[in-house]
């Protein structure tokens, strides 16, 4: 049971996320300090899932760990997910949770806003996900995916780099309205550089470092999106996502600041292309390992679209129910965001412990997604876990790949649409196979990806 322990005013502002807690304020919480200077940073990064499982089994649903330059308090379980994500008491700052990693490169993104500011911007930006624009995105996705999947042809391939490039190109098309080409390639490279810099060990933009490339990429995109925002406002915008953002209005009819539009576009492109790339890769891998489910999805999609080369129409997106269930199961097994950080603005209680204001706290969706009490035989791929009766019987926050509450992923319906369109074009053309016993190692953090690129073979049906 989680309760709000006090109603004291927030003691920490976004500029103070580096502040240290008073000495001894976390002494009552079990955990491990780790090695001198580095704590458990490298232990945790080498295998974060095994580390989290060991800590949970050793210390229970509340524990602390010294890593990444300070103490972090982990809250484990569906109840913890609900407490932090639903955040009835406005206890938790998403901005101060994510800022140590993302602030230099993605300031002002929707995930780095809190409370009223977040609510106002989210409401304004939601225009980009209304039926009219979404119908336009569906047409763009069908066109781009059909062409690229055909180009892949049959034979062996590494799926991850192929889908990453496709996802970047689709984002340039659907999000910005740019055709595939040199300008789109330059924008895509800037995003890749920014994402790599966000997790670079050297945090200053020194020459020849990933951070320097990331900072340069951001400067290029800020200039590009600033000019384009002004142009699209003057010309009346369009159906692509960027044009929708550029002309988005608040409730009082005022336009969003140009700087805010630019920040939101930078963040959205990063969040969308990396998470969808990871999610598509996970689903393809699991379908290759479970051909009986691949066949069931193929039959479903063929019946809806009419077969090879046919688009999955916008009006039919609700029909591939098995495909959606399989996607949800892949998100359970390989969560695209394995852990979610916050910072406590006020003291609170959870699991019998009082956690002080200012503490860095976080939940672990991946660990909760593999708890046997909520997911029997959790390592087995079973999309039927997401049949309506089984969903109703589970804790609502036992499955949180898209977050929850006010910070629920704004683009989740776009993600469903892109995956369904991808599956419609792939599965009605090819059978996806992997070598017997194939079990690639995965880089678990910050966003999962197979270390070998995911070696698959596409065979013509």
Protein backbone atom coordinates (compact mmCIF):
# COMPACT_ATOMS: atom_id res chain seq x y z
CA UNK A 1 0.00 0.00 0.00
CA UNK A 2 1.44 3.36 -1.02
CA UNK A 3 0.51 6.54 0.82
CA UNK A 4 1.52 10.18 0.63
CA UNK A 5 3.46 10.80 3.82
CA UNK A 6 3.39 14.59 3.79
CA UNK A 7 2.11 17.57 1.86
CA UNK A 8 5.20 19.72 2.23
CA UNK A 9 5.99 21.95 -0.77
CA UNK A 10 8.39 20.71 -3.41
CA UNK A 11 11.96 21.23 -2.29
CA UNK A 12 13.74 20.57 -5.57
CA UNK A 13 13.55 22.48 -8.83
CA UNK A 14 14.59 21.24 -12.28
CA UNK A 15 17.91 23.08 -11.96
CA UNK A 16 18.79 21.16 -8.81
CA UNK A 17 18.65 17.56 -9.98
CA UNK A 18 22.35 17.14 -9.16
CA UNK A 19 21.81 18.01 -5.48
CA UNK A 20 22.81 15.39 -2.94
CA UNK A 21 20.50 14.04 -0.25
CA UNK A 22 21.42 14.73 3.37
CA UNK A 23 23.86 12.12 4.68
CA UNK A 24 22.12 9.11 6.16
CA UNK A 25 18.66 9.88 4.76
CA UNK A 26 18.54 6.52 2.94
CA UNK A 27 20.28 4.43 5.62
CA UNK A 28 17.02 2.69 6.57
CA UNK A 29 16.52 1.32 3.02
CA UNK A 30 18.29 -1.97 2.25
CA UNK A 31 20.73 -2.13 -0.61
CA UNK A 32 24.35 -2.14 -1.73
CA UNK A 33 27.02 0.52 -2.06
CA UNK A 34 29.16 -1.46 -4.49
CA UNK A 35 32.75 -0.68 -5.38
CA UNK A 36 34.69 2.47 -4.40
CA UNK A 37 33.98 5.47 -6.63
CA UNK A 38 31.90 3.61 -9.24
CA UNK A 39 29.47 1.77 -6.98
CA UNK A 40 27.48 -0.75 -9.01
CA UNK A 41 27.53 1.26 -12.23
CA UNK A 42 29.42 -1.27 -14.34
CA UNK A 43 27.84 -4.29 -12.67
CA UNK A 44 24.42 -2.88 -13.41
CA UNK A 45 25.20 -1.91 -16.99
CA UNK A 46 26.75 -5.27 -17.86
CA UNK A 47 23.49 -7.14 -17.21
CA UNK A 48 20.79 -4.83 -15.82
CA UNK A 49 18.03 -7.45 -15.84
CA UNK A 50 20.02 -10.03 -13.88
CA UNK A 51 21.20 -7.32 -11.48
CA UNK A 52 17.66 -6.07 -10.83
CA UNK A 53 16.39 -9.63 -10.33
CA UNK A 54 19.13 -10.38 -7.81
CA UNK A 55 18.51 -7.17 -5.88
CA UNK A 56 14.77 -7.80 -5.78
CA UNK A 57 15.20 -11.39 -4.61
CA UNK A 58 17.72 -10.30 -1.98
CA UNK A 59 16.11 -7.15 -0.60
CA UNK A 60 12.47 -7.18 -1.67
CA UNK A 61 10.32 -4.62 -3.50
CA UNK A 62 12.20 -1.58 -2.14
CA UNK A 63 15.97 -1.38 -2.35
CA UNK A 64 18.71 1.14 -3.03
CA UNK A 65 21.75 0.90 -5.25
CA UNK A 66 24.72 3.18 -5.67
CA UNK A 67 25.33 3.72 -9.38
CA UNK A 68 25.66 6.47 -11.98
CA UNK A 69 27.15 8.82 -9.40
CA UNK A 70 24.61 8.46 -6.60
CA UNK A 71 21.98 6.49 -4.76
CA UNK A 72 18.84 5.31 -6.52
CA UNK A 73 15.82 3.74 -4.87
CA UNK A 74 14.05 1.01 -6.86
CA UNK A 75 10.33 0.39 -6.34
CA UNK A 76 9.27 -2.98 -7.73
CA UNK A 77 5.78 -4.30 -8.50
CA UNK A 78 2.55 -3.28 -10.24
CA UNK A 79 1.60 -1.23 -7.19
CA UNK A 80 4.87 0.71 -7.50
CA UNK A 81 4.21 1.24 -11.20
CA UNK A 82 0.78 2.63 -10.40
CA UNK A 83 2.08 4.86 -7.60
CA UNK A 84 4.75 6.46 -9.75
CA UNK A 85 3.06 6.56 -13.15
CA UNK A 86 -0.45 7.55 -12.07
CA UNK A 87 1.04 9.91 -9.48
CA UNK A 88 -2.16 11.04 -7.81
CA UNK A 89 -0.25 13.22 -5.35
CA UNK A 90 2.08 14.85 -7.91
CA UNK A 91 5.03 13.48 -5.97
CA UNK A 92 7.31 12.53 -8.83
CA UNK A 93 9.20 14.67 -11.34
CA UNK A 94 9.76 13.09 -14.73
CA UNK A 95 11.93 16.04 -15.72
CA UNK A 96 14.32 15.57 -12.82
CA UNK A 97 14.33 11.81 -13.36
CA UNK A 98 15.36 11.93 -17.02
CA UNK A 99 17.37 15.18 -17.07
CA UNK A 100 20.73 13.67 -16.05
CA UNK A 101 20.64 11.61 -19.26
CA UNK A 102 18.64 13.70 -21.69
CA UNK A 103 18.72 17.37 -20.70
CA UNK A 104 21.78 18.45 -22.72
CA UNK A 105 20.46 16.95 -25.96
CA UNK A 106 16.67 16.81 -25.62
CA UNK A 107 15.64 19.67 -23.30
CA UNK A 108 12.00 20.64 -23.36
CA UNK A 109 10.79 17.31 -24.74
CA UNK A 110 7.38 16.16 -23.53
CA UNK A 111 8.91 13.55 -21.23
CA UNK A 112 11.00 16.28 -19.56
CA UNK A 113 8.00 18.38 -18.56
CA UNK A 114 5.93 18.10 -15.39
CA UNK A 115 2.36 18.74 -14.26
CA UNK A 116 0.58 21.83 -15.71
CA UNK A 117 3.29 22.58 -18.28
CA UNK A 118 3.22 18.96 -19.44
CA UNK A 119 -0.58 18.87 -19.55
CA UNK A 120 -0.85 22.06 -21.63
CA UNK A 121 1.78 21.03 -24.17
CA UNK A 122 0.47 17.48 -24.41
CA UNK A 123 -3.04 18.70 -25.12
CA UNK A 124 -1.81 21.05 -27.83
CA UNK A 125 0.36 18.38 -29.46
CA UNK A 126 -2.39 15.76 -29.41
CA UNK A 127 -3.80 17.35 -32.57
CA UNK A 128 -1.10 15.46 -34.48
CA UNK A 129 -2.72 12.16 -33.48
CA UNK A 130 -6.31 12.94 -34.48
CA UNK A 131 -7.99 10.78 -37.18
CA UNK A 132 -7.18 13.13 -40.09
CA UNK A 133 -3.40 13.19 -39.60
CA UNK A 134 -3.35 9.52 -38.57
CA UNK A 135 -5.03 8.57 -41.85
CA UNK A 136 -2.30 10.49 -43.67
CA UNK A 137 0.41 8.67 -41.67
CA UNK A 138 -1.17 5.32 -42.51
CA UNK A 139 -0.92 6.07 -46.23
CA UNK A 140 2.73 7.13 -45.83
CA UNK A 141 3.58 4.04 -43.80
CA UNK A 142 1.97 1.65 -46.28
CA UNK A 143 3.77 3.29 -49.19
CA UNK A 144 7.20 3.39 -47.54
CA UNK A 145 7.05 -0.03 -45.89
CA UNK A 146 5.76 -1.81 -48.99
CA UNK A 147 8.60 -0.44 -51.11
CA UNK A 148 11.34 -1.25 -48.59
CA UNK A 149 10.07 -4.73 -47.69
CA UNK A 150 9.98 -5.56 -51.39
CA UNK A 151 13.54 -4.29 -51.77
CA UNK A 152 14.72 -6.56 -48.94
CA UNK A 153 13.85 -9.58 -51.05
CA UNK A 154 14.58 -13.12 -49.94
CA UNK A 155 17.64 -14.48 -48.20
CA UNK A 156 19.69 -13.80 -45.10
CA UNK A 157 19.79 -10.33 -43.55
CA UNK A 158 20.46 -8.46 -40.33
CA UNK A 159 17.06 -7.16 -39.39
CA UNK A 160 17.91 -4.52 -36.77
CA UNK A 161 19.97 -2.14 -38.96
CA UNK A 162 17.49 -2.64 -41.81
CA UNK A 163 14.44 -1.75 -39.72
CA UNK A 164 16.32 1.10 -38.02
CA UNK A 165 17.02 2.72 -41.40
CA UNK A 166 13.44 2.12 -42.50
CA UNK A 167 12.07 3.61 -39.29
CA UNK A 168 14.27 6.69 -39.67
CA UNK A 169 13.12 7.14 -43.26
CA UNK A 170 9.47 6.67 -42.29
CA UNK A 171 9.87 9.25 -39.54
CA UNK A 172 11.30 11.74 -42.02
CA UNK A 173 8.33 11.08 -44.31
CA UNK A 174 5.45 10.87 -41.81
CA UNK A 175 6.80 13.23 -39.15
CA UNK A 176 8.50 15.91 -41.25
CA UNK A 177 7.02 15.43 -44.70
CA UNK A 178 10.39 14.92 -46.38
CA UNK A 179 10.84 12.42 -49.20
CA UNK A 180 13.64 9.88 -48.88
CA UNK A 181 16.85 11.54 -50.00
CA UNK A 182 19.92 13.54 -49.02
CA UNK A 183 18.18 16.01 -46.70
CA UNK A 184 16.34 13.23 -44.89
CA UNK A 185 19.62 11.33 -44.55
CA UNK A 186 21.31 14.35 -42.95
CA UNK A 187 18.45 14.76 -40.47
CA UNK A 188 18.48 11.05 -39.69
CA UNK A 189 22.21 11.10 -38.98
CA UNK A 190 21.80 14.03 -36.61
CA UNK A 191 19.23 12.06 -34.63
CA UNK A 192 21.46 9.00 -34.51
CA UNK A 193 24.34 11.14 -33.22
CA UNK A 194 22.12 12.68 -30.53
CA UNK A 195 20.84 9.34 -29.28
CA UNK A 196 24.34 7.87 -29.09
CA UNK A 197 25.56 10.95 -27.23
CA UNK A 198 22.77 10.69 -24.66
CA UNK A 199 24.38 7.54 -23.21
CA UNK A 200 28.02 8.42 -23.89
CA UNK A 201 30.33 8.01 -20.87
CA UNK A 202 32.07 11.35 -21.62
CA UNK A 203 29.44 13.95 -20.79
CA UNK A 204 31.27 17.02 -22.14
CA UNK A 205 31.35 17.90 -25.88
CA UNK A 206 35.07 17.46 -26.27
CA UNK A 207 36.50 17.16 -29.81
CA UNK A 208 36.03 13.77 -31.50
CA UNK A 209 33.66 12.48 -28.76
CA UNK A 210 30.14 11.14 -29.22
CA UNK A 211 28.87 14.02 -27.09
CA UNK A 212 30.44 16.55 -29.49
CA UNK A 213 28.76 14.83 -32.46
CA UNK A 214 25.48 14.80 -30.55
CA UNK A 215 25.69 18.50 -29.64
CA UNK A 216 26.52 19.34 -33.26
CA UNK A 217 23.58 17.23 -34.42
CA UNK A 218 21.26 19.08 -32.07
CA UNK A 219 22.52 22.47 -33.33
CA UNK A 220 21.81 21.40 -36.92
CA UNK A 221 18.28 20.26 -36.08
CA UNK A 222 17.47 23.31 -33.97
CA UNK A 223 18.38 25.50 -36.93
CA UNK A 224 16.46 23.33 -39.40
CA UNK A 225 13.29 22.98 -37.30
CA UNK A 226 13.29 26.68 -36.38
CA UNK A 227 13.36 27.75 -40.01
CA UNK A 228 10.81 25.12 -41.00
CA UNK A 229 8.42 26.02 -38.17
CA UNK A 230 8.28 29.62 -39.35
CA UNK A 231 7.84 28.58 -42.98
CA UNK A 232 5.06 26.12 -42.27
CA UNK A 233 3.20 28.60 -40.12
CA UNK A 234 3.39 31.15 -42.90
CA UNK A 235 2.24 28.64 -45.53
CA UNK A 236 -0.49 27.03 -43.42
CA UNK A 237 1.18 23.73 -42.53
CA UNK A 238 0.26 20.28 -43.81
CA UNK A 239 -0.74 16.79 -42.72
CA UNK A 240 2.70 15.61 -41.54
CA UNK A 241 3.35 15.55 -37.80
CA UNK A 242 5.77 18.47 -37.80
CA UNK A 243 3.29 20.74 -39.55
CA UNK A 244 0.65 19.73 -37.02
CA UNK A 245 3.01 20.60 -34.16
CA UNK A 246 4.06 23.88 -35.81
CA UNK A 247 0.44 25.06 -35.97
CA UNK A 248 -0.72 23.53 -32.66
CA UNK A 249 -2.69 25.87 -30.43
CA UNK A 250 -3.23 26.03 -26.69
CA UNK A 251 -6.74 26.19 -25.23
CA UNK A 252 -6.70 30.00 -25.45
CA UNK A 253 -5.90 29.88 -29.18
CA UNK A 254 -2.28 30.97 -28.85
CA UNK A 255 0.47 29.20 -30.76
CA UNK A 256 3.22 27.27 -29.04
CA UNK A 257 6.59 29.05 -28.87
CA UNK A 258 8.83 28.16 -31.79
CA UNK A 259 11.52 26.97 -29.37
CA UNK A 260 9.02 24.58 -27.76
CA UNK A 261 7.95 23.19 -31.16
CA UNK A 262 11.61 22.54 -31.99
CA UNK A 263 12.25 20.80 -28.66
CA UNK A 264 9.18 18.61 -29.04
CA UNK A 265 10.14 17.57 -32.57
CA UNK A 266 13.67 16.69 -31.50
CA UNK A 267 12.40 14.57 -28.66
CA UNK A 268 9.60 12.92 -30.62
CA UNK A 269 11.88 11.82 -33.43
CA UNK A 270 14.29 10.28 -30.93
CA UNK A 271 11.63 8.58 -28.83
CA UNK A 272 9.64 7.27 -31.76
CA UNK A 273 12.29 5.86 -34.04
CA UNK A 274 14.38 4.13 -31.35
CA UNK A 275 11.51 2.52 -29.46
CA UNK A 276 9.70 1.38 -32.61
CA UNK A 277 12.94 -0.02 -34.02
CA UNK A 278 13.46 -2.02 -30.83
CA UNK A 279 9.83 -3.17 -30.65
CA UNK A 280 9.69 -4.27 -34.29
CA UNK A 281 12.93 -6.22 -33.86
CA UNK A 282 11.63 -7.98 -30.76
CA UNK A 283 8.40 -8.99 -32.48
CA UNK A 284 10.15 -10.29 -35.60
CA UNK A 285 12.55 -12.34 -33.47
CA UNK A 286 9.77 -13.86 -31.37
CA UNK A 287 7.65 -14.69 -34.42
CA UNK A 288 10.64 -16.36 -36.07
CA UNK A 289 11.14 -18.44 -32.90
CA UNK A 290 7.44 -19.27 -32.72
CA UNK A 291 6.37 -20.12 -36.29
CA UNK A 292 2.94 -21.32 -35.19
CA UNK A 293 2.12 -17.79 -34.12
CA UNK A 294 3.67 -16.38 -37.26
CA UNK A 295 1.25 -18.53 -39.27
CA UNK A 296 -1.74 -17.37 -37.23
CA UNK A 297 -0.86 -13.71 -37.76
CA UNK A 298 -0.23 -14.31 -41.45
CA UNK A 299 -3.67 -15.91 -41.87
CA UNK A 300 -5.31 -13.03 -40.01
CA UNK A 301 -3.58 -10.31 -42.03
CA UNK A 302 -4.14 -12.08 -45.36
CA UNK A 303 -7.86 -12.31 -44.61
CA UNK A 304 -7.99 -8.57 -43.83
CA UNK A 305 -5.82 -7.18 -46.63
CA UNK A 306 -6.41 -9.74 -49.36
CA UNK A 307 -2.83 -10.98 -49.49
CA UNK A 308 0.62 -10.06 -50.76
CA UNK A 309 1.23 -6.45 -51.68
CA UNK A 310 -2.07 -5.15 -50.27
CA UNK A 311 -2.09 -2.22 -47.88
CA UNK A 312 -3.54 -2.40 -44.40
CA UNK A 313 -6.08 0.42 -44.67
CA UNK A 314 -6.54 2.94 -41.90
CA UNK A 315 -10.15 1.86 -41.42
CA UNK A 316 -8.99 -1.75 -40.91
CA UNK A 317 -6.40 -1.05 -38.22
CA UNK A 318 -8.65 -2.35 -35.46
CA UNK A 319 -9.16 -5.72 -37.14
CA UNK A 320 -5.78 -7.51 -36.64
CA UNK A 321 -6.53 -8.52 -33.04
CA UNK A 322 -4.06 -11.42 -32.93
CA UNK A 323 -1.35 -9.19 -34.38
CA UNK A 324 -1.97 -6.63 -31.65
CA UNK A 325 -1.87 -9.33 -28.98
CA UNK A 326 1.43 -10.65 -30.34
CA UNK A 327 2.88 -7.14 -30.34
CA UNK A 328 1.79 -6.62 -26.74
CA UNK A 329 3.39 -9.90 -25.73
CA UNK A 330 6.66 -8.91 -27.40
CA UNK A 331 6.55 -5.61 -25.48
CA UNK A 332 6.07 -7.60 -22.29
CA UNK A 333 8.99 -9.89 -22.94
CA UNK A 334 11.39 -7.21 -24.22
CA UNK A 335 10.19 -3.86 -22.90
CA UNK A 336 11.48 -1.00 -25.10
CA UNK A 337 12.01 1.15 -21.98
CA UNK A 338 13.22 -1.36 -19.35
CA UNK A 339 13.37 1.12 -16.47
CA UNK A 340 11.79 4.52 -15.79
CA UNK A 341 13.39 7.13 -13.49
CA UNK A 342 11.79 9.90 -11.46
CA UNK A 343 12.78 12.16 -8.59
CA UNK A 344 10.65 12.52 -5.49
CA UNK A 345 9.53 16.09 -4.90
CA UNK A 346 7.95 15.16 -1.57
CA UNK A 347 8.53 12.38 0.90
CA UNK A 348 6.27 9.34 0.52
CA UNK A 349 5.84 5.80 1.77
CA UNK A 350 5.94 2.55 -0.14
CA UNK A 351 6.37 -1.05 0.95
CA UNK A 352 6.80 -0.06 4.58
CA UNK A 353 9.60 2.43 3.88
CA UNK A 354 9.62 6.21 3.99
CA UNK A 355 11.44 7.64 0.98
CA UNK A 356 12.61 11.24 1.47
CA UNK A 357 12.03 14.22 -0.80
CA UNK A 358 14.85 14.55 -3.30
CA UNK A 359 15.49 10.82 -3.64
CA UNK A 360 16.15 9.45 -7.11
CA UNK A 361 13.59 6.71 -7.57
CA UNK A 362 12.54 4.41 -10.38
CA UNK A 363 10.45 1.48 -11.45
CA UNK A 364 11.46 -1.52 -13.55
CA UNK A 365 8.85 -2.52 -16.16
CA UNK A 366 11.03 -5.38 -17.46
CA UNK A 367 11.23 -7.04 -14.06
CA UNK A 368 7.49 -6.66 -13.39
CA UNK A 369 6.74 -8.02 -16.89
CA UNK A 370 8.53 -11.24 -15.88
CA UNK A 371 7.00 -11.80 -12.42
CA UNK A 372 5.48 -15.27 -12.30
CA UNK A 373 2.62 -14.21 -10.03
CA UNK A 374 1.33 -11.99 -12.83
CA UNK A 375 2.71 -13.84 -15.86
CA UNK A 376 2.82 -17.64 -15.44
CA UNK A 377 5.76 -19.19 -17.31
CA UNK A 378 6.99 -15.67 -18.14
CA UNK A 379 9.71 -16.71 -20.62
CA UNK A 380 7.15 -18.35 -22.92
CA UNK A 381 5.81 -16.31 -25.84
CA UNK A 382 2.04 -16.46 -25.45
CA UNK A 383 -0.01 -13.64 -27.03
CA UNK A 384 -3.18 -15.13 -25.57
CA UNK A 385 -2.15 -13.52 -22.27
CA UNK A 386 -3.75 -10.42 -23.79
CA UNK A 387 -7.19 -11.87 -24.35
CA UNK A 388 -9.78 -9.60 -22.75
CA UNK A 389 -10.64 -11.87 -19.82
CA UNK A 390 -6.99 -12.33 -18.85
CA UNK A 391 -6.26 -8.62 -19.11
CA UNK A 392 -9.22 -7.87 -16.86
CA UNK A 393 -7.99 -10.35 -14.23
CA UNK A 394 -4.51 -8.79 -13.97
CA UNK A 395 -3.36 -5.70 -12.13
CA UNK A 396 -3.77 -2.76 -14.51
CA UNK A 397 -0.15 -1.72 -14.01
CA UNK A 398 1.44 -5.15 -14.43
CA UNK A 399 2.05 -4.21 -18.10
CA UNK A 400 3.46 -0.72 -18.71
CA UNK A 401 5.61 -0.64 -21.88
CA UNK A 402 4.10 2.74 -22.79
CA UNK A 403 4.28 4.17 -19.29
CA UNK A 404 1.02 5.29 -17.73
CA UNK A 405 -0.94 8.15 -16.24
CA UNK A 406 -0.30 11.67 -17.50
CA UNK A 407 2.94 10.55 -19.16
CA UNK A 408 1.42 7.66 -21.12
CA UNK A 409 3.18 7.62 -24.49
CA UNK A 410 1.47 10.19 -26.72
CA UNK A 411 2.35 8.21 -29.85
CA UNK A 412 1.27 4.74 -28.74
CA UNK A 413 -1.46 4.48 -31.40
CA UNK A 414 1.07 5.49 -34.04
CA UNK A 415 3.33 2.69 -32.78
CA UNK A 416 0.51 0.13 -33.05
CA UNK A 417 -0.25 1.37 -36.56
CA UNK A 418 3.34 1.17 -37.76
CA UNK A 419 3.84 -2.35 -36.40
CA UNK A 420 0.57 -3.62 -37.87
CA UNK A 421 1.38 -2.16 -41.29
CA UNK A 422 4.89 -3.65 -41.12
CA UNK A 423 3.53 -7.09 -40.25
CA UNK A 424 0.89 -6.88 -42.98
CA UNK A 425 3.56 -6.32 -45.62
CA UNK A 426 6.20 -8.68 -44.22
CA UNK A 427 4.11 -11.70 -43.26
CA UNK A 428 2.03 -11.78 -46.44
CA UNK A 429 5.22 -11.82 -48.55
CA UNK A 430 7.72 -13.84 -46.54
CA UNK A 431 8.25 -16.51 -43.96
CA UNK A 432 10.68 -15.29 -41.28
CA UNK A 433 13.17 -17.91 -40.10
CA UNK A 434 16.16 -18.15 -37.78
CA UNK A 435 18.71 -20.92 -37.36
CA UNK A 436 17.70 -23.72 -34.93
CA UNK A 437 18.76 -22.81 -31.41
CA UNK A 438 19.52 -19.21 -32.35
CA UNK A 439 19.47 -17.05 -29.21
CA UNK A 440 21.22 -13.70 -29.74
CA UNK A 441 22.59 -11.65 -26.88
CA UNK A 442 20.72 -8.40 -26.34
CA UNK A 443 21.99 -5.03 -25.28
CA UNK A 444 19.45 -4.28 -22.59
CA UNK A 445 20.00 -0.58 -21.91
CA UNK A 446 19.00 2.13 -22.68
CA UNK A 447 16.76 0.61 -25.38
CA UNK A 448 17.03 -3.11 -26.17
CA UNK A 449 18.70 -4.29 -29.35
CA UNK A 450 20.33 -7.55 -30.48
CA UNK A 451 24.11 -7.27 -30.38
CA UNK A 452 24.53 -9.17 -33.64
CA UNK A 453 21.88 -7.19 -35.53
CA UNK A 454 19.37 -10.13 -35.45
CA UNK A 455 20.23 -12.62 -38.17
CA UNK A 456 17.09 -13.77 -39.96
CA UNK A 457 16.24 -15.32 -43.30
CA UNK A 458 13.28 -14.22 -45.41
CA UNK A 459 11.76 -16.93 -47.60
CA UNK A 460 9.18 -16.28 -50.29
CA UNK A 461 5.80 -17.78 -49.55
